[in-house]
Structures are given as C-alpha cells and as structure tokens.
PDB file of N, CA and C in Angstrom:
ATOM      1  N   MET A   1       0.809  -1.195   0.000  1.00  0.00           N
ATOM      2  CA  MET A   1       0.000   0.000   0.000  1.00  0.00           C
ATOM      3  C   MET A   1       0.855   1.263   0.000  1.00  0.00           C
ATOM      4  N   SER A   2       2.027   1.199   0.614  1.00  0.00           N
ATOM      5  CA  SER A   2       2.858   2.394   0.672  1.00  0.00           C
ATOM      6  C   SER A   2       3.421   2.751  -0.705  1.00  0.00           C
ATOM      7  N   ARG A   3       3.610   1.746  -1.573  1.00  0.00           N
ATOM      8  CA  ARG A   3       4.094   2.070  -2.922  1.00  0.00           C
ATOM      9  C   ARG A   3       3.070   2.904  -3.674  1.00  0.00           C
ATOM     10  N   ALA A   4       1.794   2.602  -3.454  1.00  0.00           N
ATOM     11  CA  ALA A   4       0.745   3.380  -4.119  1.00  0.00           C
ATOM     12  C   ALA A   4       0.755   4.825  -3.624  1.00  0.00           C
ATOM     13  N   PHE A   5       0.900   5.024  -2.325  1.00  0.00           N
ATOM     14  CA  PHE A   5       0.946   6.382  -1.801  1.00  0.00           C
ATOM     15  C   PHE A   5       2.227   7.098  -2.206  1.00  0.00           C
ATOM     16  N   ASP A   6       3.322   6.365  -2.355  1.00  0.00           N
ATOM     17  CA  ASP A   6       4.556   6.989  -2.846  1.00  0.00           C
ATOM     18  C   ASP A   6       4.369   7.506  -4.265  1.00  0.00           C
ATOM     19  N   ARG A   7       3.677   6.743  -5.091  1.00  0.00           N
ATOM     20  CA  ARG A   7       3.404   7.209  -6.461  1.00  0.00           C
ATOM     21  C   ARG A   7       2.533   8.457  -6.448  1.00  0.00           C
ATOM     22  N   LEU A   8       1.564   8.484  -5.533  1.00  0.00           N
ATOM     23  CA  LEU A   8       0.698   9.660  -5.440  1.00  0.00           C
ATOM     24  C   LEU A   8       1.465  10.865  -4.924  1.00  0.00           C
ATOM     25  N   ARG A   9       2.348  10.665  -3.949  1.00  0.00           N
ATOM     26  CA  ARG A   9       3.129  11.771  -3.398  1.00  0.00           C
ATOM     27  C   ARG A   9       4.077  12.362  -4.436  1.00  0.00           C
ATOM     28  N   ARG A  10       4.645  11.499  -5.287  1.00  0.00           N
ATOM     29  CA  ARG A  10       5.557  11.988  -6.320  1.00  0.00           C
ATOM     30  C   ARG A  10       4.818  12.707  -7.433  1.00  0.00           C
ATOM     31  N   GLY A  11       3.504  12.537  -7.501  1.00  0.00           N
ATOM     32  CA  GLY A  11       2.718  13.216  -8.521  1.00  0.00           C
ATOM     33  C   GLY A  11       2.659  12.484  -9.838  1.00  0.00           C
ATOM     34  N   GLU A  12       2.981  11.198  -9.850  1.00  0.00           N
ATOM     35  CA  GLU A  12       2.901  10.426 -11.090  1.00  0.00           C
ATOM     36  C   GLU A  12       1.437  10.231 -11.486  1.00  0.00           C
ATOM     37  N   ARG A  13       1.176  10.283 -12.789  1.00  0.00           N
ATOM     38  CA  ARG A  13      -0.181  10.006 -13.277  1.00  0.00           C
ATOM     39  C   ARG A  13      -0.407   8.511 -13.234  1.00  0.00           C
ATOM     40  N   TRP A  14      -1.512   8.115 -12.632  1.00  0.00           N
ATOM     41  CA  TRP A  14      -1.828   6.707 -12.467  1.00  0.00           C
ATOM     42  C   TRP A  14      -3.311   6.566 -12.724  1.00  0.00           C
ATOM     43  N   TRP A  15      -3.682   5.879 -13.809  1.00  0.00           N
ATOM     44  CA  TRP A  15      -5.078   5.866 -14.245  1.00  0.00           C
ATOM     45  C   TRP A  15      -6.012   5.251 -13.215  1.00  0.00           C
ATOM     46  N   ALA A  16      -5.554   4.259 -12.463  1.00  0.00           N
ATOM     47  CA  ALA A  16      -6.417   3.638 -11.444  1.00  0.00           C
ATOM     48  C   ALA A  16      -6.727   4.640 -10.328  1.00  0.00           C
ATOM     49  N   ALA A  17      -5.735   5.390  -9.910  1.00  0.00           N
ATOM     50  CA  ALA A  17      -5.957   6.391  -8.866  1.00  0.00           C
ATOM     51  C   ALA A  17      -6.865   7.503  -9.372  1.00  0.00           C
ATOM     52  N   GLU A  18      -6.663   7.910 -10.623  1.00  0.00           N
ATOM     53  CA  GLU A  18      -7.529   8.932 -11.214  1.00  0.00           C
ATOM     54  C   GLU A  18      -8.980   8.468 -11.201  1.00  0.00           C
ATOM     55  N   LEU A  19      -9.196   7.236 -11.630  1.00  0.00           N
ATOM     56  CA  LEU A  19     -10.549   6.686 -11.705  1.00  0.00           C
ATOM     57  C   LEU A  19     -11.188   6.583 -10.323  1.00  0.00           C
ATOM     58  N   VAL A  20     -10.457   6.073  -9.362  1.00  0.00           N
ATOM     59  CA  VAL A  20     -11.005   5.887  -8.011  1.00  0.00           C
ATOM     60  C   VAL A  20     -11.287   7.232  -7.344  1.00  0.00           C
ATOM     61  N   MET A  21     -10.340   8.147  -7.398  1.00  0.00           N
ATOM     62  CA  MET A  21     -10.512   9.430  -6.716  1.00  0.00           C
ATOM     63  C   MET A  21     -11.636  10.255  -7.328  1.00  0.00           C
ATOM     64  N   ARG A  22     -11.683  10.291  -8.634  1.00  0.00           N
ATOM     65  CA  ARG A  22     -12.728  11.091  -9.277  1.00  0.00           C
ATOM     66  C   ARG A  22     -14.097  10.430  -9.136  1.00  0.00           C
ATOM     67  N   SER A  23     -14.151   9.101  -9.125  1.00  0.00           N
ATOM     68  CA  SER A  23     -15.420   8.409  -8.870  1.00  0.00           C
ATOM     69  C   SER A  23     -15.896   8.658  -7.454  1.00  0.00           C
ATOM     70  N   LEU A  24     -14.960   8.656  -6.508  1.00  0.00           N
ATOM     71  CA  LEU A  24     -15.309   8.985  -5.133  1.00  0.00           C
ATOM     72  C   LEU A  24     -15.867  10.404  -5.052  1.00  0.00           C
ATOM     73  N   GLY A  25     -15.286  11.316  -5.799  1.00  0.00           N
ATOM     74  CA  GLY A  25     -15.783  12.695  -5.832  1.00  0.00           C
ATOM     75  C   GLY A  25     -17.191  12.776  -6.380  1.00  0.00           C
ATOM     76  N   VAL A  26     -17.472  12.017  -7.441  1.00  0.00           N
ATOM     77  CA  VAL A  26     -18.823  12.014  -8.008  1.00  0.00           C
ATOM     78  C   VAL A  26     -19.819  11.428  -7.017  1.00  0.00           C
ATOM     79  N   LEU A  27     -19.426  10.364  -6.312  1.00  0.00           N
ATOM     80  CA  LEU A  27     -20.305   9.782  -5.296  1.00  0.00           C
ATOM     81  C   LEU A  27     -20.566  10.773  -4.156  1.00  0.00           C
ATOM     82  N   LEU A  28     -19.539  11.490  -3.735  1.00  0.00           N
ATOM     83  CA  LEU A  28     -19.725  12.490  -2.689  1.00  0.00           C
ATOM     84  C   LEU A  28     -20.632  13.627  -3.158  1.00  0.00           C
ATOM     85  N   LEU A  29     -20.501  14.023  -4.412  1.00  0.00           N
ATOM     86  CA  LEU A  29     -21.382  15.062  -4.936  1.00  0.00           C
ATOM     87  C   LEU A  29     -22.823  14.566  -5.018  1.00  0.00           C
ATOM     88  N   GLY A  30     -23.004  13.296  -5.372  1.00  0.00           N
ATOM     89  CA  GLY A  30     -24.353  12.725  -5.374  1.00  0.00           C
ATOM     90  C   GLY A  30     -24.942  12.694  -3.973  1.00  0.00           C
ATOM     91  N   GLY A  31     -24.127  12.338  -2.988  1.00  0.00           N
ATOM     92  CA  GLY A  31     -24.590  12.375  -1.603  1.00  0.00           C
ATOM     93  C   GLY A  31     -24.913  13.788  -1.147  1.00  0.00           C
ATOM     94  N   ALA A  32     -24.125  14.762  -1.595  1.00  0.00           N
ATOM     95  CA  ALA A  32     -24.399  16.156  -1.262  1.00  0.00           C
ATOM     96  C   ALA A  32     -25.718  16.603  -1.869  1.00  0.00           C
ATOM     97  N   HIS A  33     -25.993  16.148  -3.075  1.00  0.00           N
ATOM     98  CA  HIS A  33     -27.257  16.503  -3.721  1.00  0.00           C
ATOM     99  C   HIS A  33     -28.439  15.933  -2.945  1.00  0.00           C
ATOM    100  N   ARG A  34     -28.360  14.661  -2.586  1.00  0.00           N
ATOM    101  CA  ARG A  34     -29.456  14.038  -1.850  1.00  0.00           C
ATOM    102  C   ARG A  34     -29.654  14.701  -0.485  1.00  0.00           C
ATOM    103  N   ALA A  35     -28.563  15.004   0.200  1.00  0.00           N
ATOM    104  CA  ALA A  35     -28.667  15.645   1.512  1.00  0.00           C
ATOM    105  C   ALA A  35     -29.197  17.074   1.386  1.00  0.00           C
ATOM    106  N   SER A  36     -28.812  17.775   0.316  1.00  0.00           N
ATOM    107  CA  SER A  36     -29.296  19.149   0.149  1.00  0.00           C
ATOM    108  C   SER A  36     -30.783  19.169  -0.209  1.00  0.00           C
ATOM    109  N   VAL A  37     -31.260  18.188  -0.966  1.00  0.00           N
ATOM    110  CA  VAL A  37     -32.695  18.102  -1.241  1.00  0.00           C
ATOM    111  C   VAL A  37     -33.455  17.831   0.056  1.00  0.00           C
ATOM    112  N   TRP A  38     -32.917  16.955   0.880  1.00  0.00           N
ATOM    113  CA  TRP A  38     -33.545  16.650   2.165  1.00  0.00           C
ATOM    114  C   TRP A  38     -33.547  17.896   3.057  1.00  0.00           C
ATOM    115  N   ALA A  39     -32.428  18.614   3.105  1.00  0.00           N
ATOM    116  CA  ALA A  39     -32.353  19.835   3.911  1.00  0.00           C
ATOM    117  C   ALA A  39     -33.326  20.888   3.375  1.00  0.00           C
ATOM    118  N   HIS A  40     -33.448  20.983   2.061  1.00  0.00           N
ATOM    119  CA  HIS A  40     -34.367  21.959   1.472  1.00  0.00           C
ATOM    120  C   HIS A  40     -35.806  21.641   1.858  1.00  0.00           C
ATOM    121  N   ARG A  41     -36.153  20.351   1.858  1.00  0.00           N
ATOM    122  CA  ARG A  41     -37.495  19.956   2.277  1.00  0.00           C
ATOM    123  C   ARG A  41     -37.758  20.333   3.729  1.00  0.00           C
ATOM    124  N   ILE A  42     -36.769  20.127   4.569  1.00  0.00           N
ATOM    125  CA  ILE A  42     -36.936  20.445   5.987  1.00  0.00           C
ATOM    126  C   ILE A  42     -37.054  21.956   6.191  1.00  0.00           C
ATOM    127  N   ILE A  43     -36.261  22.722   5.450  1.00  0.00           N
ATOM    128  CA  ILE A  43     -36.210  24.166   5.654  1.00  0.00           C
ATOM    129  C   ILE A  43     -37.456  24.856   5.101  1.00  0.00           C
ATOM    130  N   THR A  44     -38.014  24.379   3.989  1.00  0.00           N
ATOM    131  CA  THR A  44     -39.133  25.078   3.368  1.00  0.00           C
ATOM    132  C   THR A  44     -40.482  24.772   4.010  1.00  0.00           C
ATOM    133  N   THR A  45     -40.581  23.766   4.848  1.00  0.00           N
ATOM    134  CA  THR A  45     -41.834  23.519   5.561  1.00  0.00           C
ATOM    135  C   THR A  45     -41.962  24.541   6.678  1.00  0.00           C
ATOM    136  N   PRO A  46     -43.196  24.948   6.998  1.00  0.00           N
ATOM    137  CA  PRO A  46     -43.360  25.940   8.060  1.00  0.00           C
ATOM    138  C   PRO A  46     -42.848  25.390   9.398  1.00  0.00           C
ATOM    139  N   PRO A  47     -41.891  26.058  10.009  1.00  0.00           N
ATOM    140  CA  PRO A  47     -41.327  25.528  11.258  1.00  0.00           C
ATOM    141  C   PRO A  47     -42.251  25.782  12.444  1.00  0.00           C
ATOM    142  N   VAL A  48     -42.310  24.817  13.320  1.00  0.00           N
ATOM    143  CA  VAL A  48     -43.048  24.985  14.572  1.00  0.00           C
ATOM    144  C   VAL A  48     -42.065  25.182  15.719  1.00  0.00           C
ATOM    145  N   HIS A  49     -40.795  25.265  15.390  1.00  0.00           N
ATOM    146  CA  HIS A  49     -39.750  25.387  16.401  1.00  0.00           C
ATOM    147  C   HIS A  49     -38.546  26.076  15.775  1.00  0.00           C
ATOM    148  N   GLN A  50     -37.591  26.395  16.617  1.00  0.00           N
ATOM    149  CA  GLN A  50     -36.338  26.950  16.127  1.00  0.00           C
ATOM    150  C   GLN A  50     -35.525  25.846  15.460  1.00  0.00           C
ATOM    151  N   THR A  51     -34.435  26.220  14.840  1.00  0.00           N
ATOM    152  CA  THR A  51     -33.562  25.248  14.187  1.00  0.00           C
ATOM    153  C   THR A  51     -32.997  24.276  15.226  1.00  0.00           C
ATOM    154  N   THR A  52     -33.100  22.998  14.904  1.00  0.00           N
ATOM    155  CA  THR A  52     -32.602  21.982  15.829  1.00  0.00           C
ATOM    156  C   THR A  52     -31.147  21.660  15.518  1.00  0.00           C
ATOM    157  N   PRO A  53     -30.417  21.076  16.454  1.00  0.00           N
ATOM    158  CA  PRO A  53     -29.035  20.665  16.177  1.00  0.00           C
ATOM    159  C   PRO A  53     -28.949  19.646  15.036  1.00  0.00           C
ATOM    160  N   GLY A  54     -29.975  18.842  14.865  1.00  0.00           N
ATOM    161  CA  GLY A  54     -29.974  17.884  13.759  1.00  0.00           C
ATOM    162  C   GLY A  54     -30.027  18.566  12.402  1.00  0.00           C
ATOM    163  N   GLU A  55     -30.829  19.635  12.305  1.00  0.00           N
ATOM    164  CA  GLU A  55     -30.898  20.387  11.053  1.00  0.00           C
ATOM    165  C   GLU A  55     -29.580  21.098  10.763  1.00  0.00           C
ATOM    166  N   LEU A  56     -28.973  21.618  11.804  1.00  0.00           N
ATOM    167  CA  LEU A  56     -27.667  22.256  11.635  1.00  0.00           C
ATOM    168  C   LEU A  56     -26.613  21.236  11.211  1.00  0.00           C
ATOM    169  N   ALA A  57     -26.662  20.047  11.806  1.00  0.00           N
ATOM    170  CA  ALA A  57     -25.715  18.986  11.424  1.00  0.00           C
ATOM    171  C   ALA A  57     -25.948  18.543   9.988  1.00  0.00           C
ATOM    172  N   LEU A  58     -27.213  18.497   9.554  1.00  0.00           N
ATOM    173  CA  LEU A  58     -27.512  18.129   8.172  1.00  0.00           C
ATOM    174  C   LEU A  58     -26.918  19.141   7.199  1.00  0.00           C
ATOM    175  N   CYS A  59     -27.053  20.411   7.500  1.00  0.00           N
ATOM    176  CA  CYS A  59     -26.484  21.442   6.620  1.00  0.00           C
ATOM    177  C   CYS A  59     -24.957  21.409   6.648  1.00  0.00           C
ATOM    178  N   ALA A  60     -24.366  21.112   7.791  1.00  0.00           N
ATOM    179  CA  ALA A  60     -22.908  20.969   7.859  1.00  0.00           C
ATOM    180  C   ALA A  60     -22.454  19.769   7.042  1.00  0.00           C
ATOM    181  N   MET A  61     -23.241  18.694   7.055  1.00  0.00           N
ATOM    182  CA  MET A  61     -22.908  17.513   6.260  1.00  0.00           C
ATOM    183  C   MET A  61     -22.977  17.832   4.765  1.00  0.00           C
ATOM    184  N   VAL A  62     -23.980  18.622   4.366  1.00  0.00           N
ATOM    185  CA  VAL A  62     -24.073  19.032   2.968  1.00  0.00           C
ATOM    186  C   VAL A  62     -22.828  19.801   2.566  1.00  0.00           C
ATOM    187  N   PHE A  63     -22.391  20.732   3.412  1.00  0.00           N
ATOM    188  CA  PHE A  63     -21.200  21.523   3.120  1.00  0.00           C
ATOM    189  C   PHE A  63     -19.959  20.643   2.993  1.00  0.00           C
ATOM    190  N   LEU A  64     -19.775  19.717   3.940  1.00  0.00           N
ATOM    191  CA  LEU A  64     -18.597  18.851   3.901  1.00  0.00           C
ATOM    192  C   LEU A  64     -18.617  17.925   2.686  1.00  0.00           C
ATOM    193  N   LEU A  65     -19.780  17.368   2.368  1.00  0.00           N
ATOM    194  CA  LEU A  65     -19.873  16.501   1.191  1.00  0.00           C
ATOM    195  C   LEU A  65     -19.592  17.284  -0.085  1.00  0.00           C
ATOM    196  N   LEU A  66     -20.132  18.488  -0.178  1.00  0.00           N
ATOM    197  CA  LEU A  66     -19.944  19.289  -1.383  1.00  0.00           C
ATOM    198  C   LEU A  66     -18.488  19.699  -1.575  1.00  0.00           C
ATOM    199  N   THR A  67     -17.857  20.191  -0.514  1.00  0.00           N
ATOM    200  CA  THR A  67     -16.472  20.644  -0.669  1.00  0.00           C
ATOM    201  C   THR A  67     -15.515  19.479  -0.915  1.00  0.00           C
ATOM    202  N   SER A  68     -15.697  18.370  -0.200  1.00  0.00           N
ATOM    203  CA  SER A  68     -14.794  17.236  -0.427  1.00  0.00           C
ATOM    204  C   SER A  68     -15.064  16.595  -1.791  1.00  0.00           C
ATOM    205  N   GLY A  69     -16.322  16.535  -2.216  1.00  0.00           N
ATOM    206  CA  GLY A  69     -16.622  15.994  -3.543  1.00  0.00           C
ATOM    207  C   GLY A  69     -16.008  16.829  -4.645  1.00  0.00           C
ATOM    208  N   LEU A  70     -16.110  18.145  -4.523  1.00  0.00           N
ATOM    209  CA  LEU A  70     -15.499  19.008  -5.533  1.00  0.00           C
ATOM    210  C   LEU A  70     -13.979  18.879  -5.536  1.00  0.00           C
ATOM    211  N   ALA A  71     -13.377  18.749  -4.362  1.00  0.00           N
ATOM    212  CA  ALA A  71     -11.918  18.595  -4.288  1.00  0.00           C
ATOM    213  C   ALA A  71     -11.483  17.313  -4.986  1.00  0.00           C
ATOM    214  N   PHE A  72     -12.206  16.212  -4.748  1.00  0.00           N
ATOM    215  CA  PHE A  72     -11.830  14.947  -5.384  1.00  0.00           C
ATOM    216  C   PHE A  72     -12.086  14.975  -6.886  1.00  0.00           C
ATOM    217  N   VAL A  73     -13.154  15.619  -7.328  1.00  0.00           N
ATOM    218  CA  VAL A  73     -13.434  15.667  -8.764  1.00  0.00           C
ATOM    219  C   VAL A  73     -12.433  16.564  -9.486  1.00  0.00           C
ATOM    220  N   ILE A  74     -12.130  17.708  -8.903  1.00  0.00           N
ATOM    221  CA  ILE A  74     -11.252  18.665  -9.588  1.00  0.00           C
ATOM    222  C   ILE A  74      -9.788  18.239  -9.503  1.00  0.00           C
ATOM    223  N   GLU A  75      -9.310  17.905  -8.314  1.00  0.00           N
ATOM    224  CA  GLU A  75      -7.887  17.578  -8.127  1.00  0.00           C
ATOM    225  C   GLU A  75      -7.585  16.105  -8.318  1.00  0.00           C
ATOM    226  N   GLY A  76      -8.464  15.243  -7.859  1.00  0.00           N
ATOM    227  CA  GLY A  76      -8.210  13.806  -7.952  1.00  0.00           C
ATOM    228  C   GLY A  76      -7.038  13.401  -7.078  1.00  0.00           C
ATOM    229  N   PRO A  77      -6.141  12.572  -7.593  1.00  0.00           N
ATOM    230  CA  PRO A  77      -5.011  12.126  -6.774  1.00  0.00           C
ATOM    231  C   PRO A  77      -3.994  13.232  -6.492  1.00  0.00           C
ATOM    232  N   GLY A  78      -4.146  14.371  -7.110  1.00  0.00           N
ATOM    233  CA  GLY A  78      -3.258  15.492  -6.830  1.00  0.00           C
ATOM    234  C   GLY A  78      -3.382  16.002  -5.403  1.00  0.00           C
ATOM    235  N   LEU A  79      -4.448  15.593  -4.705  1.00  0.00           N
ATOM    236  CA  LEU A  79      -4.611  15.982  -3.304  1.00  0.00           C
ATOM    237  C   LEU A  79      -3.515  15.402  -2.428  1.00  0.00           C
ATOM    238  N   PHE A  80      -2.933  14.278  -2.843  1.00  0.00           N
ATOM    239  CA  PHE A  80      -1.920  13.602  -2.036  1.00  0.00           C
ATOM    240  C   PHE A  80      -0.494  13.908  -2.499  1.00  0.00           C
ATOM    241  N   ARG A  81      -0.355  14.860  -3.410  1.00  0.00           N
ATOM    242  CA  ARG A  81       0.969  15.232  -3.911  1.00  0.00           C
ATOM    243  C   ARG A  81       1.787  15.862  -2.788  1.00  0.00           C
ATOM    244  N   TYR A  82       3.057  15.558  -2.759  1.00  0.00           N
ATOM    245  CA  TYR A  82       3.971  16.086  -1.745  1.00  0.00           C
ATOM    246  C   TYR A  82       4.239  17.561  -2.022  1.00  0.00           C
ATOM    247  N   VAL A  83       4.048  18.379  -1.016  1.00  0.00           N
ATOM    248  CA  VAL A  83       4.325  19.806  -1.116  1.00  0.00           C
ATOM    249  C   VAL A  83       5.394  20.130  -0.081  1.00  0.00           C
ATOM    250  N   PRO A  84       6.592  20.509  -0.518  1.00  0.00           N
ATOM    251  CA  PRO A  84       7.652  20.798   0.449  1.00  0.00           C
ATOM    252  C   PRO A  84       7.329  22.049   1.265  1.00  0.00           C
ATOM    253  N   ILE A  85       7.670  21.989   2.537  1.00  0.00           N
ATOM    254  CA  ILE A  85       7.462  23.123   3.433  1.00  0.00           C
ATOM    255  C   ILE A  85       8.781  23.871   3.544  1.00  0.00           C
ATOM    256  N   PRO A  86       8.773  25.183   3.272  1.00  0.00           N
ATOM    257  CA  PRO A  86      10.030  25.931   3.352  1.00  0.00           C
ATOM    258  C   PRO A  86      10.554  25.984   4.784  1.00  0.00           C
ATOM    259  N   SER A  87      11.861  26.091   4.926  1.00  0.00           N
ATOM    260  CA  SER A  87      12.482  26.077   6.249  1.00  0.00           C
ATOM    261  C   SER A  87      12.126  27.308   7.071  1.00  0.00           C
ATOM    262  N   ARG A  88      11.719  28.378   6.449  1.00  0.00           N
ATOM    263  CA  ARG A  88      11.356  29.588   7.192  1.00  0.00           C
ATOM    264  C   ARG A  88       9.923  29.533   7.715  1.00  0.00           C
ATOM    265  N   SER A  89       9.222  28.451   7.429  1.00  0.00           N
ATOM    266  CA  SER A  89       7.840  28.312   7.868  1.00  0.00           C
ATOM    267  C   SER A  89       7.759  28.073   9.369  1.00  0.00           C
ATOM    268  N   LEU A  90       6.671  28.484   9.950  1.00  0.00           N
ATOM    269  CA  LEU A  90       6.434  28.286  11.372  1.00  0.00           C
ATOM    270  C   LEU A  90       6.242  26.808  11.695  1.00  0.00           C
ATOM    271  N   TRP A  91       5.742  26.024  10.753  1.00  0.00           N
ATOM    272  CA  TRP A  91       5.423  24.620  10.971  1.00  0.00           C
ATOM    273  C   TRP A  91       6.570  23.691  10.597  1.00  0.00           C
ATOM    274  N   TYR A  92       7.712  24.217  10.236  1.00  0.00           N
ATOM    275  CA  TYR A  92       8.835  23.391   9.793  1.00  0.00           C
ATOM    276  C   TYR A  92       9.443  22.641  10.921  1.00  0.00           C
TER     277      TYR A  92
END
C-alpha cells in the first residue's frame, strides 16, 4: 500500500488512482445533492420550532460533502501530492 501512496506523493499520473478518486468525488457530490434536497425539504416547511441541532448537522454535512466531492473531482489524486514546506515556515 505504501508504494501506491509513494506514487501519489511523487505526482505520477496513475489511471487507477484517477478513476477511483474522481469516482469517489462524483459519489460524494451525489450524496451532497441528496442531503441538500432533504435539507431543502426540511427548511421550506413551516417551522413549529427553532432550528434543531440535527438540522444544523444536516447542513454541515451538505457543506462537507460538497467541498470534499469538488476537491476529489477537480484535483483527484493530486490531493496527495507532496508539497515541500520551506524552512522559514512556522510549521517546519
């Protein structure tokens, strides 16, 4: 398994990784769509109460699914590419 991650860190193009990562992104975007439709249904009905923590968690889940899905679709395996940290950085 580490050889696969080494290939990803070096930035080599690997069709299997491209396919898996971008497919995962499409699945996450599909989940974001389903969750956003569900959230829209909950939000557009007349509320008898204030926003519940469950509704807030649902909207947070939509946000996380959407952003991670877009990252996987747009970048794909490039998300795991090695980025050197300069020595003058605070985190070095």
